[in-house]
C-alpha atoms as a PDB file:
ATOM      1  CA  MET A   1     147.143 135.896 101.847  1.00  0.00           C
ATOM      2  CA  SER A   2     144.160 136.353 104.152  1.00  0.00           C
ATOM      3  CA  GLY A   3     143.058 132.728 104.226  1.00  0.00           C
ATOM      4  CA  LYS A   4     139.680 133.681 102.775  1.00  0.00           C
ATOM      5  CA  ALA A   5     140.033 133.709  98.992  1.00  0.00           C
ATOM      6  CA  ILE A   6     139.076 130.064  98.449  1.00  0.00           C
ATOM      7  CA  GLY A   7     135.756 130.274 100.251  1.00  0.00           C
ATOM      8  CA  VAL A   8     132.452 130.985  98.515  1.00  0.00           C
ATOM      9  CA  ARG A   9     132.058 134.430 100.056  1.00  0.00           C
ATOM     10  CA  GLU A  10     135.113 136.654 100.208  1.00  0.00           C
ATOM     11  CA  ASN A  11     134.353 138.026 103.665  1.00  0.00           C
ATOM     12  CA  LEU A  12     134.231 134.583 105.299  1.00  0.00           C
ATOM     13  CA  SER A  13     136.865 131.946 105.959  1.00  0.00           C
ATOM     14  CA  ILE A  14     136.134 128.309 105.139  1.00  0.00           C
ATOM     15  CA  TYR A  15     135.512 127.739 108.850  1.00  0.00           C
ATOM     16  CA  GLU A  16     132.783 130.403 108.915  1.00  0.00           C
ATOM     17  CA  GLU A  17     131.068 129.298 105.706  1.00  0.00           C
ATOM     18  CA  ARG A  18     127.927 127.200 105.593  1.00  0.00           C
ATOM     19  CA  HIS A  19     129.072 123.591 105.207  1.00  0.00           C
ATOM     20  CA  PRO A  20     129.581 121.720 103.002  1.00  0.00           C
ATOM     21  CA  ILE A  21     131.150 124.371 100.770  1.00  0.00           C
ATOM     22  CA  ASP A  22     130.354 123.855  97.084  1.00  0.00           C
ATOM     23  CA  LYS A  23     133.883 123.717  95.673  1.00  0.00           C
ATOM     24  CA  LYS A  24     135.809 121.055  93.732  1.00  0.00           C
ATOM     25  CA  VAL A  25     138.557 119.884  96.058  1.00  0.00           C
ATOM     26  CA  ILE A  26     141.361 117.362  95.622  1.00  0.00           C
ATOM     27  CA  VAL A  27     143.504 115.886  98.391  1.00  0.00           C
ATOM     28  CA  VAL A  28     146.900 114.770  97.063  1.00  0.00           C
ATOM     29  CA  GLY A  29     148.872 112.143  98.968  1.00  0.00           C
ATOM     30  CA  ASN A  30     152.457 110.906  98.704  1.00  0.00           C
ATOM     31  CA  SER A  31     152.249 107.267  97.628  1.00  0.00           C
ATOM     32  CA  PRO A  32     154.829 106.054  95.052  1.00  0.00           C
ATOM     33  CA  SER A  33     151.824 105.152  92.881  1.00  0.00           C
ATOM     34  CA  ILE A  34     151.424 108.838  92.172  1.00  0.00           C
ATOM     35  CA  LEU A  35     154.104 108.539  89.476  1.00  0.00           C
ATOM     36  CA  GLU A  36     152.023 106.067  87.456  1.00  0.00           C
ATOM     37  CA  LYS A  37     149.785 108.739  85.912  1.00  0.00           C
ATOM     38  CA  GLU A  38     150.469 112.206  84.518  1.00  0.00           C
ATOM     39  CA  TYR A  39     147.624 114.032  86.236  1.00  0.00           C
ATOM     40  CA  GLY A  40     149.368 117.334  86.944  1.00  0.00           C
ATOM     41  CA  GLU A  41     147.143 119.551  84.795  1.00  0.00           C
ATOM     42  CA  ILE A  42     144.004 117.854  86.090  1.00  0.00           C
ATOM     43  CA  ILE A  43     145.061 118.362  89.713  1.00  0.00           C
ATOM     44  CA  ASP A  44     145.873 122.036  89.199  1.00  0.00           C
ATOM     45  CA  SER A  45     142.438 122.590  87.601  1.00  0.00           C
ATOM     46  CA  TYR A  46     140.630 121.955  90.901  1.00  0.00           C
ATOM     47  CA  ASP A  47     139.220 124.906  92.831  1.00  0.00           C
ATOM     48  CA  ILE A  48     141.161 123.853  95.914  1.00  0.00           C
ATOM     49  CA  VAL A  49     144.239 121.631  96.149  1.00  0.00           C
ATOM     50  CA  ILE A  50     145.127 120.136  99.530  1.00  0.00           C
ATOM     51  CA  ARG A  51     148.568 118.554  99.956  1.00  0.00           C
ATOM     52  CA  VAL A  52     149.838 116.455 102.837  1.00  0.00           C
ATOM     53  CA  ASN A  53     153.141 116.567 104.753  1.00  0.00           C
ATOM     54  CA  ARG A  54     156.286 116.767 102.589  1.00  0.00           C
ATOM     55  CA  CYS A  55     154.759 117.410  99.188  1.00  0.00           C
ATOM     56  CA  ILE A  56     157.550 118.192  96.712  1.00  0.00           C
ATOM     57  CA  THR A  57     156.200 119.378  93.365  1.00  0.00           C
ATOM     58  CA  GLN A  58     159.326 120.698  91.612  1.00  0.00           C
ATOM     59  CA  GLY A  59     160.285 118.142  88.999  1.00  0.00           C
ATOM     60  CA  TYR A  60     157.019 116.257  89.464  1.00  0.00           C
ATOM     61  CA  GLU A  61     154.642 118.799  87.953  1.00  0.00           C
ATOM     62  CA  LYS A  62     153.437 116.536  85.137  1.00  0.00           C
ATOM     63  CA  TYR A  63     152.390 113.933  87.704  1.00  0.00           C
ATOM     64  CA  ILE A  64     150.988 116.011  90.568  1.00  0.00           C
ATOM     65  CA  GLY A  65     150.879 119.644  89.452  1.00  0.00           C
ATOM     66  CA  LYS A  66     152.143 122.423  91.692  1.00  0.00           C
ATOM     67  CA  LYS A  67     149.103 124.267  93.033  1.00  0.00           C
ATOM     68  CA  ILE A  68     148.574 124.314  96.803  1.00  0.00           C
ATOM     69  CA  ASP A  69     145.813 126.053  98.751  1.00  0.00           C
ATOM     70  CA  ILE A  70     145.701 124.046 101.978  1.00  0.00           C
ATOM     71  CA  TRP A  71     148.655 122.309 103.590  1.00  0.00           C
ATOM     72  CA  ALA A  72     147.948 119.519 106.078  1.00  0.00           C
ATOM     73  CA  THR A  73     151.012 118.470 108.050  1.00  0.00           C
ATOM     74  CA  THR A  74     152.082 116.318 110.960  1.00  0.00           C
ATOM     75  CA  ARG A  75     155.187 118.353 111.888  1.00  0.00           C
ATOM     76  CA  THR A  76     158.217 119.850 110.106  1.00  0.00           C
ATOM     77  CA  ASP A  77     161.196 118.617 112.112  1.00  0.00           C
ATOM     78  CA  SER A  78     161.635 115.315 110.220  1.00  0.00           C
ATOM     79  CA  ILE A  79     163.713 116.871 107.430  1.00  0.00           C
ATOM     80  CA  LYS A  80     164.926 120.391 106.554  1.00  0.00           C
ATOM     81  CA  SER A  81     163.035 120.672 103.253  1.00  0.00           C
ATOM     82  CA  TRP A  82     159.645 119.730 104.719  1.00  0.00           C
ATOM     83  CA  VAL A  83     157.818 123.002 104.031  1.00  0.00           C
ATOM     84  CA  PRO A  84     156.393 123.155 100.454  1.00  0.00           C
ATOM     85  CA  GLU A  85     158.491 125.077  97.907  1.00  0.00           C
ATOM     86  CA  ASN A  86     155.501 127.252  97.005  1.00  0.00           C
ATOM     87  CA  TYR A  87     154.450 127.847 100.609  1.00  0.00           C
ATOM     88  CA  LYS A  88     153.570 131.482  99.862  1.00  0.00           C
ATOM     89  CA  ASP A  89     150.467 130.214  98.040  1.00  0.00           C
ATOM     90  CA  ILE A  90     149.125 128.418 101.135  1.00  0.00           C
ATOM     91  CA  GLN A  91     145.893 129.937 102.418  1.00  0.00           C
ATOM     92  CA  TYR A  92     145.041 127.507 105.209  1.00  0.00           C
ATOM     93  CA  LEU A  93     147.209 125.445 107.535  1.00  0.00           C
ATOM     94  CA  TRP A  94     145.885 122.191 108.984  1.00  0.00           C
ATOM     95  CA  THR A  95     147.923 120.325 111.589  1.00  0.00           C
ATOM     96  CA  ARG A  96     147.397 116.836 112.931  1.00  0.00           C
ATOM     97  CA  THR A  97     147.413 117.795 116.622  1.00  0.00           C
ATOM     98  CA  LYS A  98     147.937 120.782 118.916  1.00  0.00           C
ATOM     99  CA  LYS A  99     151.586 119.885 119.549  1.00  0.00           C
ATOM    100  CA  PRO A 100     153.063 121.246 116.283  1.00  0.00           C
ATOM    101  CA  LYS A 101     152.341 124.873 117.139  1.00  0.00           C
ATOM    102  CA  PRO A 102     153.672 127.377 114.558  1.00  0.00           C
ATOM    103  CA  GLY A 103     157.052 128.651 115.714  1.00  0.00           C
ATOM    104  CA  SER A 104     157.746 125.632 117.907  1.00  0.00           C
ATOM    105  CA  SER A 105     160.485 123.097 117.222  1.00  0.00           C
ATOM    106  CA  TYR A 106     157.803 120.795 115.821  1.00  0.00           C
ATOM    107  CA  LEU A 107     156.502 123.281 113.268  1.00  0.00           C
ATOM    108  CA  LYS A 108     159.131 125.682 112.021  1.00  0.00           C
ATOM    109  CA  LEU A 109     157.763 127.970 109.339  1.00  0.00           C
ATOM    110  CA  PRO A 110     159.616 130.552 107.210  1.00  0.00           C
ATOM    111  CA  LYS A 111     159.333 134.125 108.465  1.00  0.00           C
ATOM    112  CA  ASP A 112     157.430 135.094 105.325  1.00  0.00           C
ATOM    113  CA  PHE A 113     154.963 132.205 105.615  1.00  0.00           C
ATOM    114  CA  PRO A 114     151.550 133.687 104.723  1.00  0.00           C
ATOM    115  CA  ASN A 115     148.733 134.532 107.094  1.00  0.00           C
ATOM    116  CA  TYR A 116     147.020 131.165 106.862  1.00  0.00           C
ATOM    117  CA  GLY A 117     143.533 132.001 108.106  1.00  0.00           C
ATOM    118  CA  GLY A 118     143.946 130.367 111.489  1.00  0.00           C
ATOM    119  CA  ARG A 119     145.428 126.933 112.146  1.00  0.00           C
ATOM    120  CA  TYR A 120     142.904 124.102 112.153  1.00  0.00           C
ATOM    121  CA  ILE A 121     143.706 121.134 114.394  1.00  0.00           C
ATOM    122  CA  MET A 122     142.355 118.038 112.675  1.00  0.00           C
ATOM    123  CA  TYR A 123     142.951 115.161 115.068  1.00  0.00           C
ATOM    124  CA  LYS A 124     142.527 115.009 118.861  1.00  0.00           C
ATOM    125  CA  ASN A 125     140.031 117.788 118.352  1.00  0.00           C
ATOM    126  CA  GLN A 126     136.880 116.954 120.316  1.00  0.00           C
ATOM    127  CA  LYS A 127     134.483 118.288 117.704  1.00  0.00           C
ATOM    128  CA  TRP A 128     136.371 116.590 114.834  1.00  0.00           C
ATOM    129  CA  TRP A 129     136.359 113.252 116.656  1.00  0.00           C
ATOM    130  CA  ALA A 130     132.663 113.579 117.481  1.00  0.00           C
ATOM    131  CA  ASN A 131     131.964 113.989 113.760  1.00  0.00           C
ATOM    132  CA  VAL A 132     133.958 110.977 112.521  1.00  0.00           C
ATOM    133  CA  GLN A 133     133.922 108.469 115.394  1.00  0.00           C
ATOM    134  CA  PRO A 134     130.666 106.706 114.388  1.00  0.00           C
ATOM    135  CA  PHE A 135     131.953 106.267 110.827  1.00  0.00           C
ATOM    136  CA  LEU A 136     135.317 104.842 111.967  1.00  0.00           C
ATOM    137  CA  LYS A 137     134.078 102.615 114.799  1.00  0.00           C
ATOM    138  CA  PRO A 138     133.200  99.549 112.632  1.00  0.00           C
ATOM    139  CA  PHE A 139     136.788  99.326 111.382  1.00  0.00           C
ATOM    140  CA  ASN A 140     138.096  98.618 114.899  1.00  0.00           C
ATOM    141  CA  LEU A 141     141.416 100.413 114.422  1.00  0.00           C
ATOM    142  CA  LYS A 142     143.990  99.653 117.112  1.00  0.00           C
ATOM    143  CA  ARG A 143     146.328 102.474 116.133  1.00  0.00           C
ATOM    144  CA  GLU A 144     145.855 106.134 115.298  1.00  0.00           C
ATOM    145  CA  LEU A 145     144.794 107.244 111.857  1.00  0.00           C
ATOM    146  CA  ASP A 146     147.490 108.421 109.468  1.00  0.00           C
ATOM    147  CA  THR A 147     147.608 112.106 108.560  1.00  0.00           C
ATOM    148  CA  GLY A 148     146.437 111.365 105.005  1.00  0.00           C
ATOM    149  CA  LEU A 149     143.120 109.816 106.074  1.00  0.00           C
ATOM    150  CA  ILE A 150     142.654 112.498 108.719  1.00  0.00           C
ATOM    151  CA  THR A 151     143.031 115.117 105.993  1.00  0.00           C
ATOM    152  CA  ILE A 152     140.562 113.371 103.680  1.00  0.00           C
ATOM    153  CA  LEU A 153     137.968 113.161 106.466  1.00  0.00           C
ATOM    154  CA  THR A 154     138.546 116.834 107.312  1.00  0.00           C
ATOM    155  CA  ALA A 155     138.052 117.791 103.661  1.00  0.00           C
ATOM    156  CA  CYS A 156     134.755 115.864 103.673  1.00  0.00           C
ATOM    157  CA  ARG A 157     133.696 117.842 106.752  1.00  0.00           C
ATOM    158  CA  PHE A 158     134.161 121.188 105.011  1.00  0.00           C
ATOM    159  CA  PHE A 159     133.630 120.554 101.290  1.00  0.00           C
ATOM    160  CA  LYS A 160     130.913 119.062  99.081  1.00  0.00           C
ATOM    161  CA  ASP A 161     132.971 117.637  96.197  1.00  0.00           C
ATOM    162  CA  VAL A 162     136.158 115.833  97.311  1.00  0.00           C
ATOM    163  CA  THR A 163     138.560 113.815  95.126  1.00  0.00           C
ATOM    164  CA  VAL A 164     141.661 111.933  96.288  1.00  0.00           C
ATOM    165  CA  HIS A 165     144.885 110.884  94.595  1.00  0.00           C
ATOM    166  CA  GLY A 166     148.086 109.271  95.827  1.00  0.00           C
ATOM    167  CA  PHE A 167     146.815 107.172  98.741  1.00  0.00           C
ATOM    168  CA  THR A 168     147.619 103.436  98.893  1.00  0.00           C
ATOM    169  CA  PHE A 169     148.737 103.100 102.552  1.00  0.00           C
ATOM    170  CA  GLY A 170     151.551 100.808 101.455  1.00  0.00           C
ATOM    171  CA  THR A 171     149.254  98.282  99.775  1.00  0.00           C
ATOM    172  CA  GLN A 172     150.507  98.955  96.235  1.00  0.00           C
ATOM    173  CA  SER A 173     153.363  96.444  96.499  1.00  0.00           C
ATOM    174  CA  ASP A 174     155.251  94.093  98.818  1.00  0.00           C
ATOM    175  CA  ASP A 175     158.472  96.042  98.378  1.00  0.00           C
ATOM    176  CA  LYS A 176     160.054  97.108 101.666  1.00  0.00           C
ATOM    177  CA  THR A 177     159.892 100.763 100.593  1.00  0.00           C
ATOM    178  CA  ASN A 178     156.148 100.658  99.895  1.00  0.00           C
ATOM    179  CA  ILE A 179     155.347 103.040 102.773  1.00  0.00           C
ATOM    180  CA  SER A 180     157.810 105.717 101.637  1.00  0.00           C
ATOM    181  CA  GLY A 181     157.100 108.829  99.562  1.00  0.00           C
ATOM    182  CA  TYR A 182     157.084 109.109  95.763  1.00  0.00           C
ATOM    183  CA  TYR A 183     160.239 111.226  95.875  1.00  0.00           C
ATOM    184  CA  ARG A 184     162.379 108.727  97.803  1.00  0.00           C
ATOM    185  CA  GLU A 185     164.217 107.120  94.878  1.00  0.00           C
ATOM    186  CA  SER A 186     165.300 110.478  93.459  1.00  0.00           C
ATOM    187  CA  GLU A 187     166.815 111.572  96.787  1.00  0.00           C
ATOM    188  CA  VAL A 188     168.671 108.516  98.096  1.00  0.00           C
ATOM    189  CA  ASN A 189     172.398 108.891  98.773  1.00  0.00           C
ATOM    190  CA  LYS A 190     175.170 106.715  97.354  1.00  0.00           C
ATOM    191  CA  ASP A 191     174.386 104.084  99.983  1.00  0.00           C
ATOM    192  CA  GLY A 192     170.741 103.938  98.926  1.00  0.00           C
ATOM    193  CA  LYS A 193     169.537 105.713 102.084  1.00  0.00           C
ATOM    194  CA  HIS A 194     167.079 108.575 102.383  1.00  0.00           C
ATOM    195  CA  PRO A 195     166.930 111.141 105.247  1.00  0.00           C
ATOM    196  CA  GLU A 196     163.385 110.036 106.081  1.00  0.00           C
ATOM    197  CA  ASP A 197     164.138 106.299 106.174  1.00  0.00           C
ATOM    198  CA  GLY A 198     164.590 106.449 109.932  1.00  0.00           C
ATOM    199  CA  TRP A 199     160.998 107.646 110.232  1.00  0.00           C
ATOM    200  CA  TRP A 200     159.404 105.609 107.437  1.00  0.00           C
ATOM    201  CA  PHE A 201     160.887 102.337 108.636  1.00  0.00           C
ATOM    202  CA  SER A 202     160.851 102.990 112.369  1.00  0.00           C
ATOM    203  CA  LYS A 203     159.292 100.374 114.651  1.00  0.00           C
ATOM    204  CA  GLU A 204     156.384 102.711 115.359  1.00  0.00           C
ATOM    205  CA  ASN A 205     155.632 103.312 111.680  1.00  0.00           C
ATOM    206  CA  LEU A 206     155.957  99.634 110.811  1.00  0.00           C
ATOM    207  CA  LYS A 207     153.432  98.841 113.552  1.00  0.00           C
ATOM    208  CA  TRP A 208     151.122 101.411 111.993  1.00  0.00           C
ATOM    209  CA  ALA A 209     151.598  99.747 108.589  1.00  0.00           C
ATOM    210  CA  LYS A 210     150.137  96.501 109.919  1.00  0.00           C
ATOM    211  CA  GLU A 211     146.704  98.112 109.669  1.00  0.00           C
ATOM    212  CA  LYS A 212     147.206  99.280 106.087  1.00  0.00           C
ATOM    213  CA  ASN A 213     144.372  97.110 104.770  1.00  0.00           C
ATOM    214  CA  LYS A 214     141.956  98.603 107.299  1.00  0.00           C
ATOM    215  CA  ARG A 215     142.922 102.073 106.113  1.00  0.00           C
ATOM    216  CA  LYS A 216     142.400 100.963 102.537  1.00  0.00           C
ATOM    217  CA  LYS A 217     138.898  99.748 103.454  1.00  0.00           C
ATOM    218  CA  ILE A 218     138.097 103.077 105.112  1.00  0.00           C
ATOM    219  CA  LEU A 219     138.934 104.948 101.910  1.00  0.00           C
ATOM    220  CA  GLN A 220     137.046 102.384  99.836  1.00  0.00           C
ATOM    221  CA  LYS A 221     133.938 102.990 101.932  1.00  0.00           C
ATOM    222  CA  LEU A 222     134.319 106.755 101.591  1.00  0.00           C
ATOM    223  CA  ILE A 223     134.487 106.296  97.813  1.00  0.00           C
ATOM    224  CA  LYS A 224     131.549 103.893  97.611  1.00  0.00           C
ATOM    225  CA  GLU A 225     129.208 105.443 100.159  1.00  0.00           C
ATOM    226  CA  GLY A 226     130.451 108.707 101.617  1.00  0.00           C
ATOM    227  CA  ILE A 227     129.411 109.409 105.226  1.00  0.00           C
ATOM    228  CA  LEU A 228     125.801 109.323 106.377  1.00  0.00           C
ATOM    229  CA  LYS A 229     124.230 112.219 108.247  1.00  0.00           C
ATOM    230  CA  LYS A 230     123.703 111.524 111.932  1.00  0.00           C
ATOM    231  CA  ASP A 231     120.181 110.893 113.173  1.00  0.00           C
ATOM    232  CA  LYS A 232     118.532 113.599 115.265  1.00  0.00           C
ATOM    233  CA  GLU A 233     118.791 111.522 118.431  1.00  0.00           C
ATOM    234  CA  ASP A 234     122.511 110.810 117.899  1.00  0.00           C
ATOM    235  CA  LYS A 235     125.001 112.851 119.893  1.00  0.00           C
ATOM    236  CA  HIS A 236     127.912 112.146 117.523  1.00  0.00           C
ATOM    237  CA  GLY A 237     128.206 111.919 113.754  1.00  0.00           C
ATOM    238  CA  PHE A 238     128.376 114.001 110.602  1.00  0.00           C
ATOM    239  CA  PRO A 239     126.107 117.082 110.559  1.00  0.00           C
ATOM    240  CA  PHE A 240     125.225 116.452 106.888  1.00  0.00           C
ATOM    241  CA  LYS A 241     125.411 113.594 104.404  1.00  0.00           C
ATOM    242  CA  SER A 242     128.877 113.639 102.854  1.00  0.00           C
ATOM    243  CA  LYS A 243     128.832 112.654  99.190  1.00  0.00           C
ATOM    244  CA  PRO A 244     130.998 109.697  98.081  1.00  0.00           C
ATOM    245  CA  VAL A 245     134.626 110.707  97.603  1.00  0.00           C
ATOM    246  CA  LYS A 246     135.972 110.518  94.054  1.00  0.00           C
ATOM    247  CA  ILE A 247     139.344 109.064  93.048  1.00  0.00           C
ATOM    248  CA  LEU A 248     141.540 109.824  90.031  1.00  0.00           C
ATOM    249  CA  ASN A 249     143.255 106.441  89.776  1.00  0.00           C
ATOM    250  CA  ARG A 250     141.031 103.616  91.040  1.00  0.00           C
ATOM    251  CA  ASN A 251     143.912 101.136  90.703  1.00  0.00           C
ATOM    252  CA  GLU A 252     145.454 102.745  93.793  1.00  0.00           C
ATOM    253  CA  ILE A 253     142.798 101.528  96.172  1.00  0.00           C
ATOM    254  CA  PHE A 254     140.635  98.937  94.406  1.00  0.00           C
ATOM    255  CA  ASP A 255     141.525  95.613  92.801  1.00  0.00           C
ATOM    256  CA  TYR A 256     143.839  96.079  89.858  1.00  0.00           C
ATOM    257  CA  ASN A 257     142.025  96.829  86.592  1.00  0.00           C
ATOM    258  CA  PRO A 258     144.297  96.702  83.501  1.00  0.00           C
ATOM    259  CA  LEU A 259     141.761  98.724  81.508  1.00  0.00           C
ATOM    260  CA  LEU A 260     142.488 101.724  83.691  1.00  0.00           C
ATOM    261  CA  ASP A 261     146.142 101.599  82.672  1.00  0.00           C
ATOM    262  CA  LYS A 262     145.093 102.672  79.190  1.00  0.00           C
ATOM    263  CA  GLU A 263     144.280 106.081  80.632  1.00  0.00           C
ATOM    264  CA  LYS A 264     147.020 108.651  80.492  1.00  0.00           C
END
């Protein structure tokens, strides 16, 4: 794969295209709520599918499909099976920071991992932060953004039509496992433990979870308003008006609506 096939013009990568690129894009998260709806065929019908971190699709196809064009990841050393099963289909690799450099202990990729069109560093990237800082400032976050929201904001920076699915930030329930992935229950051992529990329920991650409602509000604003274009006199901000983000299952992020449960 050359990392160019999903752009508008075949001879340009998505980074070289005129932005925002006019493609239908969906960013798929890992919330347990993802198993509430069978949206697999819908997800795979998008022009571009972006998946985040450990994104198992085998056995979950009817819920989340299997297509993957862009993989956004924090690192790969949390668990052996972190890299997507269908990694050969990946055309672009987005990483959270510079630290997980391909080939390092933080980001171990298979030898036959495709040519991914150049790694894009989403967070702690001066240009990226300059684009999103004015939008995020009113939320007064005390801790870093999660990789899911970083990926959604990055998708808005490159693409015109962005949809999200599988993001609740742990607000979907009061259960102690509410910040784990949708695949946790199917992979626990006889003692009810999962290999990623040490990370999900670490002190650092639990501190992050305290701002879950702020993260929910950020996504709500993206869905309701999008991101405004910066004024000419502003040094920082979005270079164009980003359209409101769409969402497949509004129950994930807005107040519960029983009428939506009638949808398949």
